[in-house]
Every structure is written in structure tokens, then in C-alpha cells.
PDB file of N, CA and C in Angstrom:
ATOM      1  N   MET A   1     129.329 105.858 127.283  1.00  0.00           N
ATOM      2  CA  MET A   1     128.037 106.457 127.541  1.00  0.00           C
ATOM      3  C   MET A   1     127.268 105.582 128.523  1.00  0.00           C
ATOM      4  N   ALA A   2     126.681 106.182 129.530  1.00  0.00           N
ATOM      5  CA  ALA A   2     125.932 105.448 130.541  1.00  0.00           C
ATOM      6  C   ALA A   2     124.621 104.935 129.963  1.00  0.00           C
ATOM      7  N   ARG A   3     124.221 103.777 130.417  1.00  0.00           N
ATOM      8  CA  ARG A   3     122.936 103.209 130.001  1.00  0.00           C
ATOM      9  C   ARG A   3     121.837 103.727 130.889  1.00  0.00           C
ATOM     10  N   ILE A   4     120.675 103.909 130.318  1.00  0.00           N
ATOM     11  CA  ILE A   4     119.514 104.362 131.081  1.00  0.00           C
ATOM     12  C   ILE A   4     118.974 103.235 131.947  1.00  0.00           C
ATOM     13  N   ILE A   5     119.034 102.018 131.430  1.00  0.00           N
ATOM     14  CA  ILE A   5     118.488 100.862 132.137  1.00  0.00           C
ATOM     15  C   ILE A   5     119.613 100.181 132.899  1.00  0.00           C
ATOM     16  N   ASP A   6     119.422  99.952 134.187  1.00  0.00           N
ATOM     17  CA  ASP A   6     120.415  99.245 134.985  1.00  0.00           C
ATOM     18  C   ASP A   6     120.380  97.754 134.663  1.00  0.00           C
ATOM     19  N   GLY A   7     121.494  97.097 134.830  1.00  0.00           N
ATOM     20  CA  GLY A   7     121.550  95.652 134.646  1.00  0.00           C
ATOM     21  C   GLY A   7     121.647  95.258 133.193  1.00  0.00           C
ATOM     22  N   ASN A   8     121.152  94.077 132.889  1.00  0.00           N
ATOM     23  CA  ASN A   8     121.269  93.516 131.547  1.00  0.00           C
ATOM     24  C   ASN A   8     120.018  93.675 130.701  1.00  0.00           C
ATOM     25  N   ASP A   9     118.960  94.243 131.257  1.00  0.00           N
ATOM     26  CA  ASP A   9     117.726  94.426 130.498  1.00  0.00           C
ATOM     27  C   ASP A   9     117.972  95.354 129.321  1.00  0.00           C
ATOM     28  N   LYS A  10     117.404  94.990 128.174  1.00  0.00           N
ATOM     29  CA  LYS A  10     117.583  95.799 126.971  1.00  0.00           C
ATOM     30  C   LYS A  10     116.339  96.609 126.610  1.00  0.00           C
ATOM     31  N   ASN A  11     115.270  96.458 127.382  1.00  0.00           N
ATOM     32  CA  ASN A  11     114.090  97.293 127.187  1.00  0.00           C
ATOM     33  C   ASN A  11     113.329  97.402 128.498  1.00  0.00           C
ATOM     34  N   MET A  12     112.412  98.333 128.539  1.00  0.00           N
ATOM     35  CA  MET A  12     111.621  98.573 129.749  1.00  0.00           C
ATOM     36  C   MET A  12     110.175  98.115 129.597  1.00  0.00           C
ATOM     37  N   VAL A  13     109.806  97.609 128.423  1.00  0.00           N
ATOM     38  CA  VAL A  13     108.394  97.330 128.144  1.00  0.00           C
ATOM     39  C   VAL A  13     108.052  95.845 128.050  1.00  0.00           C
ATOM     40  N   GLY A  14     109.038  94.982 128.084  1.00  0.00           N
ATOM     41  CA  GLY A  14     108.815  93.559 127.848  1.00  0.00           C
ATOM     42  C   GLY A  14     107.775  92.918 128.745  1.00  0.00           C
ATOM     43  N   SER A  15     107.822  93.225 130.025  1.00  0.00           N
ATOM     44  CA  SER A  15     106.871  92.614 130.966  1.00  0.00           C
ATOM     45  C   SER A  15     105.439  93.030 130.649  1.00  0.00           C
ATOM     46  N   GLN A  16     105.262  94.306 130.315  1.00  0.00           N
ATOM     47  CA  GLN A  16     103.918  94.802 129.984  1.00  0.00           C
ATOM     48  C   GLN A  16     103.435  94.207 128.665  1.00  0.00           C
ATOM     49  N   VAL A  17     104.326  94.095 127.697  1.00  0.00           N
ATOM     50  CA  VAL A  17     103.943  93.487 126.417  1.00  0.00           C
ATOM     51  C   VAL A  17     103.439  92.068 126.655  1.00  0.00           C
ATOM     52  N   ARG A  18     104.171  91.291 127.450  1.00  0.00           N
ATOM     53  CA  ARG A  18     103.751  89.911 127.740  1.00  0.00           C
ATOM     54  C   ARG A  18     102.393  89.891 128.457  1.00  0.00           C
ATOM     55  N   ARG A  19     102.249  90.710 129.491  1.00  0.00           N
ATOM     56  CA  ARG A  19     100.998  90.731 130.252  1.00  0.00           C
ATOM     57  C   ARG A  19      99.811  91.095 129.360  1.00  0.00           C
ATOM     58  N   LEU A  20      99.960  92.154 128.582  1.00  0.00           N
ATOM     59  CA  LEU A  20      98.872  92.613 127.720  1.00  0.00           C
ATOM     60  C   LEU A  20      98.565  91.608 126.619  1.00  0.00           C
ATOM     61  N   ARG A  21      99.587  90.997 126.055  1.00  0.00           N
ATOM     62  CA  ARG A  21      99.374  89.995 125.013  1.00  0.00           C
ATOM     63  C   ARG A  21      98.560  88.826 125.547  1.00  0.00           C
ATOM     64  N   ILE A  22      98.930  88.352 126.725  1.00  0.00           N
ATOM     65  CA  ILE A  22      98.216  87.224 127.334  1.00  0.00           C
ATOM     66  C   ILE A  22      96.794  87.621 127.699  1.00  0.00           C
ATOM     67  N   GLU A  23      96.619  88.811 128.265  1.00  0.00           N
ATOM     68  CA  GLU A  23      95.273  89.295 128.613  1.00  0.00           C
ATOM     69  C   GLU A  23      94.358  89.341 127.399  1.00  0.00           C
ATOM     70  N   ARG A  24      94.927  89.623 126.242  1.00  0.00           N
ATOM     71  CA  ARG A  24      94.135  89.736 125.025  1.00  0.00           C
ATOM     72  C   ARG A  24      94.013  88.411 124.274  1.00  0.00           C
ATOM     73  N   GLY A  25      94.552  87.357 124.861  1.00  0.00           N
ATOM     74  CA  GLY A  25      94.432  86.025 124.276  1.00  0.00           C
ATOM     75  C   GLY A  25      95.229  85.839 123.000  1.00  0.00           C
ATOM     76  N   LEU A  26      96.331  86.565 122.875  1.00  0.00           N
ATOM     77  CA  LEU A  26      97.164  86.472 121.683  1.00  0.00           C
ATOM     78  C   LEU A  26      98.397  85.613 121.953  1.00  0.00           C
ATOM     79  N   SER A  27      98.723  84.761 121.012  1.00  0.00           N
ATOM     80  CA  SER A  27     100.006  84.057 121.071  1.00  0.00           C
ATOM     81  C   SER A  27     101.066  85.018 120.547  1.00  0.00           C
ATOM     82  N   GLN A  28     102.317  84.663 120.740  1.00  0.00           N
ATOM     83  CA  GLN A  28     103.391  85.492 120.189  1.00  0.00           C
ATOM     84  C   GLN A  28     103.293  85.529 118.675  1.00  0.00           C
ATOM     85  N   GLN A  29     102.948  84.416 118.058  1.00  0.00           N
ATOM     86  CA  GLN A  29     102.802  84.382 116.594  1.00  0.00           C
ATOM     87  C   GLN A  29     101.644  85.267 116.135  1.00  0.00           C
ATOM     88  N   MET A  30     100.541  85.251 116.864  1.00  0.00           N
ATOM     89  CA  MET A  30      99.405  86.094 116.500  1.00  0.00           C
ATOM     90  C   MET A  30      99.774  87.573 116.596  1.00  0.00           C
ATOM     91  N   LEU A  31     100.518  87.943 117.637  1.00  0.00           N
ATOM     92  CA  LEU A  31     100.961  89.326 117.779  1.00  0.00           C
ATOM     93  C   LEU A  31     101.876  89.700 116.616  1.00  0.00           C
ATOM     94  N   SER A  32     102.781  88.828 116.260  1.00  0.00           N
ATOM     95  CA  SER A  32     103.682  89.059 115.136  1.00  0.00           C
ATOM     96  C   SER A  32     102.893  89.280 113.843  1.00  0.00           C
ATOM     97  N   THR A  33     101.905  88.450 113.616  1.00  0.00           N
ATOM     98  CA  THR A  33     101.090  88.542 112.408  1.00  0.00           C
ATOM     99  C   THR A  33     100.301  89.849 112.375  1.00  0.00           C
ATOM    100  N   LYS A  34      99.741  90.260 113.508  1.00  0.00           N
ATOM    101  CA  LYS A  34      98.999  91.523 113.573  1.00  0.00           C
ATOM    102  C   LYS A  34      99.915  92.724 113.329  1.00  0.00           C
ATOM    103  N   LEU A  35     101.136  92.650 113.825  1.00  0.00           N
ATOM    104  CA  LEU A  35     102.092  93.735 113.585  1.00  0.00           C
ATOM    105  C   LEU A  35     102.405  93.874 112.097  1.00  0.00           C
ATOM    106  N   GLU A  36     102.420  92.753 111.387  1.00  0.00           N
ATOM    107  CA  GLU A  36     102.683  92.791 109.946  1.00  0.00           C
ATOM    108  C   GLU A  36     101.647  93.624 109.205  1.00  0.00           C
ATOM    109  N   THR A  37     100.411  93.687 109.703  1.00  0.00           N
ATOM    110  CA  THR A  37      99.380  94.502 109.045  1.00  0.00           C
ATOM    111  C   THR A  37      99.716  95.983 109.116  1.00  0.00           C
ATOM    112  N   LEU A  38     100.619  96.363 110.020  1.00  0.00           N
ATOM    113  CA  LEU A  38     101.087  97.740 110.136  1.00  0.00           C
ATOM    114  C   LEU A  38     102.459  97.909 109.482  1.00  0.00           C
ATOM    115  N   ALA A  39     102.878  96.887 108.746  1.00  0.00           N
ATOM    116  CA  ALA A  39     104.204  96.867 108.104  1.00  0.00           C
ATOM    117  C   ALA A  39     105.323  96.937 109.134  1.00  0.00           C
ATOM    118  N   ILE A  40     105.089  96.299 110.279  1.00  0.00           N
ATOM    119  CA  ILE A  40     106.104  96.184 111.327  1.00  0.00           C
ATOM    120  C   ILE A  40     106.410  94.696 111.445  1.00  0.00           C
ATOM    121  N   TYR A  41     107.640  94.340 111.119  1.00  0.00           N
ATOM    122  CA  TYR A  41     108.002  92.926 111.027  1.00  0.00           C
ATOM    123  C   TYR A  41     108.873  92.519 112.214  1.00  0.00           C
ATOM    124  N   ILE A  42     108.232  91.863 113.169  1.00  0.00           N
ATOM    125  CA  ILE A  42     108.915  91.300 114.332  1.00  0.00           C
ATOM    126  C   ILE A  42     108.524  89.828 114.370  1.00  0.00           C
ATOM    127  N   CYS A  43     109.475  88.940 114.181  1.00  0.00           N
ATOM    128  CA  CYS A  43     109.156  87.513 114.176  1.00  0.00           C
ATOM    129  C   CYS A  43     108.786  87.049 115.593  1.00  0.00           C
ATOM    130  N   ARG A  44     108.207  85.860 115.665  1.00  0.00           N
ATOM    131  CA  ARG A  44     107.777  85.319 116.951  1.00  0.00           C
ATOM    132  C   ARG A  44     108.945  85.222 117.927  1.00  0.00           C
ATOM    133  N   GLY A  45     110.093  84.800 117.446  1.00  0.00           N
ATOM    134  CA  GLY A  45     111.263  84.694 118.317  1.00  0.00           C
ATOM    135  C   GLY A  45     111.685  86.039 118.881  1.00  0.00           C
ATOM    136  N   SER A  46     111.568  87.077 118.080  1.00  0.00           N
ATOM    137  CA  SER A  46     111.912  88.418 118.561  1.00  0.00           C
ATOM    138  C   SER A  46     110.889  88.926 119.571  1.00  0.00           C
ATOM    139  N   ILE A  47     109.626  88.565 119.394  1.00  0.00           N
ATOM    140  CA  ILE A  47     108.601  88.908 120.397  1.00  0.00           C
ATOM    141  C   ILE A  47     109.013  88.288 121.732  1.00  0.00           C
ATOM    142  N   SER A  48     109.426  87.029 121.692  1.00  0.00           N
ATOM    143  CA  SER A  48     109.862  86.337 122.903  1.00  0.00           C
ATOM    144  C   SER A  48     111.033  87.068 123.554  1.00  0.00           C
ATOM    145  N   ARG A  49     112.010  87.471 122.748  1.00  0.00           N
ATOM    146  CA  ARG A  49     113.175  88.169 123.294  1.00  0.00           C
ATOM    147  C   ARG A  49     112.804  89.552 123.842  1.00  0.00           C
ATOM    148  N   ILE A  50     111.836  90.223 123.216  1.00  0.00           N
ATOM    149  CA  ILE A  50     111.356  91.502 123.760  1.00  0.00           C
ATOM    150  C   ILE A  50     110.733  91.259 125.123  1.00  0.00           C
ATOM    151  N   GLU A  51     109.867  90.255 125.218  1.00  0.00           N
ATOM    152  CA  GLU A  51     109.194  89.963 126.481  1.00  0.00           C
ATOM    153  C   GLU A  51     110.182  89.564 127.577  1.00  0.00           C
ATOM    154  N   ASP A  52     111.264  88.929 127.192  1.00  0.00           N
ATOM    155  CA  ASP A  52     112.296  88.534 128.156  1.00  0.00           C
ATOM    156  C   ASP A  52     113.326  89.642 128.391  1.00  0.00           C
ATOM    157  N   LYS A  53     113.110  90.785 127.765  1.00  0.00           N
ATOM    158  CA  LYS A  53     113.971  91.973 127.883  1.00  0.00           C
ATOM    159  C   LYS A  53     115.381  91.715 127.366  1.00  0.00           C
ATOM    160  N   GLN A  54     115.494  90.819 126.392  1.00  0.00           N
ATOM    161  CA  GLN A  54     116.786  90.492 125.797  1.00  0.00           C
ATOM    162  C   GLN A  54     117.000  91.187 124.464  1.00  0.00           C
ATOM    163  N   ARG A  55     116.007  91.989 124.032  1.00  0.00           N
ATOM    164  CA  ARG A  55     116.079  92.675 122.742  1.00  0.00           C
ATOM    165  C   ARG A  55     115.566  94.095 122.904  1.00  0.00           C
ATOM    166  N   THR A  56     116.222  95.022 122.236  1.00  0.00           N
ATOM    167  CA  THR A  56     115.742  96.401 122.269  1.00  0.00           C
ATOM    168  C   THR A  56     114.486  96.533 121.412  1.00  0.00           C
ATOM    169  N   VAL A  57     113.761  97.629 121.609  1.00  0.00           N
ATOM    170  CA  VAL A  57     112.540  97.906 120.862  1.00  0.00           C
ATOM    171  C   VAL A  57     112.694  99.278 120.206  1.00  0.00           C
ATOM    172  N   THR A  58     112.493  99.341 118.903  1.00  0.00           N
ATOM    173  CA  THR A  58     112.592 100.626 118.210  1.00  0.00           C
ATOM    174  C   THR A  58     111.329 101.449 118.445  1.00  0.00           C
ATOM    175  N   ASP A  59     111.388 102.723 118.107  1.00  0.00           N
ATOM    176  CA  ASP A  59     110.217 103.572 118.292  1.00  0.00           C
ATOM    177  C   ASP A  59     109.043 103.116 117.429  1.00  0.00           C
ATOM    178  N   ILE A  60     109.318 102.686 116.210  1.00  0.00           N
ATOM    179  CA  ILE A  60     108.256 102.195 115.328  1.00  0.00           C
ATOM    180  C   ILE A  60     107.634 100.923 115.904  1.00  0.00           C
ATOM    181  N   GLU A  61     108.471 100.030 116.415  1.00  0.00           N
ATOM    182  CA  GLU A  61     107.957  98.802 117.034  1.00  0.00           C
ATOM    183  C   GLU A  61     107.128  99.130 118.267  1.00  0.00           C
ATOM    184  N   LEU A  62     107.574 100.081 119.053  1.00  0.00           N
ATOM    185  CA  LEU A  62     106.844 100.494 120.241  1.00  0.00           C
ATOM    186  C   LEU A  62     105.457 101.009 119.861  1.00  0.00           C
ATOM    187  N   TYR A  63     105.421 101.831 118.821  1.00  0.00           N
ATOM    188  CA  TYR A  63     104.140 102.342 118.317  1.00  0.00           C
ATOM    189  C   TYR A  63     103.227 101.186 117.913  1.00  0.00           C
ATOM    190  N   GLY A  64     103.756 100.247 117.142  1.00  0.00           N
ATOM    191  CA  GLY A  64     102.954  99.125 116.674  1.00  0.00           C
ATOM    192  C   GLY A  64     102.454  98.240 117.797  1.00  0.00           C
ATOM    193  N   LEU A  65     103.314  97.968 118.761  1.00  0.00           N
ATOM    194  CA  LEU A  65     102.894  97.151 119.904  1.00  0.00           C
ATOM    195  C   LEU A  65     101.748  97.821 120.660  1.00  0.00           C
ATOM    196  N   ALA A  66     101.875  99.121 120.898  1.00  0.00           N
ATOM    197  CA  ALA A  66     100.807  99.850 121.605  1.00  0.00           C
ATOM    198  C   ALA A  66      99.520  99.815 120.793  1.00  0.00           C
ATOM    199  N   GLU A  67      99.633 100.024 119.487  1.00  0.00           N
ATOM    200  CA  GLU A  67      98.459 100.035 118.607  1.00  0.00           C
ATOM    201  C   GLU A  67      97.743  98.687 118.617  1.00  0.00           C
ATOM    202  N   ILE A  68      98.479  97.616 118.424  1.00  0.00           N
ATOM    203  CA  ILE A  68      97.885  96.278 118.365  1.00  0.00           C
ATOM    204  C   ILE A  68      97.335  95.857 119.729  1.00  0.00           C
ATOM    205  N   LEU A  69      98.021  96.222 120.794  1.00  0.00           N
ATOM    206  CA  LEU A  69      97.562  95.838 122.136  1.00  0.00           C
ATOM    207  C   LEU A  69      96.483  96.778 122.664  1.00  0.00           C
ATOM    208  N   GLY A  70      96.222  97.869 121.950  1.00  0.00           N
ATOM    209  CA  GLY A  70      95.127  98.773 122.304  1.00  0.00           C
ATOM    210  C   GLY A  70      95.395  99.618 123.526  1.00  0.00           C
ATOM    211  N   VAL A  71      96.635 100.035 123.693  1.00  0.00           N
ATOM    212  CA  VAL A  71      97.003 100.856 124.845  1.00  0.00           C
ATOM    213  C   VAL A  71      97.850 102.036 124.372  1.00  0.00           C
ATOM    214  N   SER A  72      98.072 102.986 125.263  1.00  0.00           N
ATOM    215  CA  SER A  72      98.964 104.092 124.943  1.00  0.00           C
ATOM    216  C   SER A  72     100.413 103.622 125.056  1.00  0.00           C
ATOM    217  N   ILE A  73     101.284 104.306 124.357  1.00  0.00           N
ATOM    218  CA  ILE A  73     102.704 103.990 124.464  1.00  0.00           C
ATOM    219  C   ILE A  73     103.153 104.130 125.912  1.00  0.00           C
ATOM    220  N   GLU A  74     102.688 105.176 126.574  1.00  0.00           N
ATOM    221  CA  GLU A  74     103.093 105.416 127.957  1.00  0.00           C
ATOM    222  C   GLU A  74     102.744 104.250 128.878  1.00  0.00           C
ATOM    223  N   SER A  75     101.599 103.632 128.637  1.00  0.00           N
ATOM    224  CA  SER A  75     101.182 102.523 129.513  1.00  0.00           C
ATOM    225  C   SER A  75     102.102 101.311 129.389  1.00  0.00           C
ATOM    226  N   LEU A  76     102.831 101.194 128.293  1.00  0.00           N
ATOM    227  CA  LEU A  76     103.767 100.082 128.146  1.00  0.00           C
ATOM    228  C   LEU A  76     104.934 100.212 129.119  1.00  0.00           C
ATOM    229  N   PHE A  77     105.152 101.404 129.658  1.00  0.00           N
ATOM    230  CA  PHE A  77     106.249 101.627 130.583  1.00  0.00           C
ATOM    231  C   PHE A  77     105.844 101.469 132.041  1.00  0.00           C
ATOM    232  N   GLU A  78     104.554 101.228 132.296  1.00  0.00           N
ATOM    233  CA  GLU A  78     104.085 101.046 133.679  1.00  0.00           C
ATOM    234  C   GLU A  78     104.556  99.700 134.207  1.00  0.00           C
ATOM    235  N   LYS A  79     104.731  99.648 135.515  1.00  0.00           N
ATOM    236  CA  LYS A  79     105.170  98.396 136.130  1.00  0.00           C
ATOM    237  C   LYS A  79     104.012  97.635 136.713  1.00  0.00           C
TER     238      LYS A  79
END
């Protein structure tokens, strides 16, 4: 089956997650902790791997990231 993403990237949102997290003054640990309030458990190391596009993101995680970062899901896909 062909991959949607070219190359070795495992997600399309990592760069935006990093940019938005930094803009909001959140550390990776703070983002992880805020996600836990939504019962979404992504450890700090996994946040790092998402931002580096080395880890896939589930639909539930995508929802939580958008919610905590205060943006639409669609905006996470902008370049």
C-alpha cells in the first residue's frame, strides 16, 4: 500500500505542533500534562517524536492537540 506522506515523515502536523506549543509558552511536559486532562496520554518523549515527525498521531491525539493548542484540527496541517 502506498504511503500518503513522502519520505520518512510519520505525520504531517509535527512542525505546527512545535510552533504552536512554543508560541503558547508550553514545554513538552506541560503539553503532555494538559493532554492528560482530556484523558489523552502522550508522554513528553512522544511529544518530541511527534514534533520531529518520527511518530504517527492518532485521531484522538490530533483532536486533543488541537483542543489544548486552541486551534482547529485543519490548522495543524498548514505549513
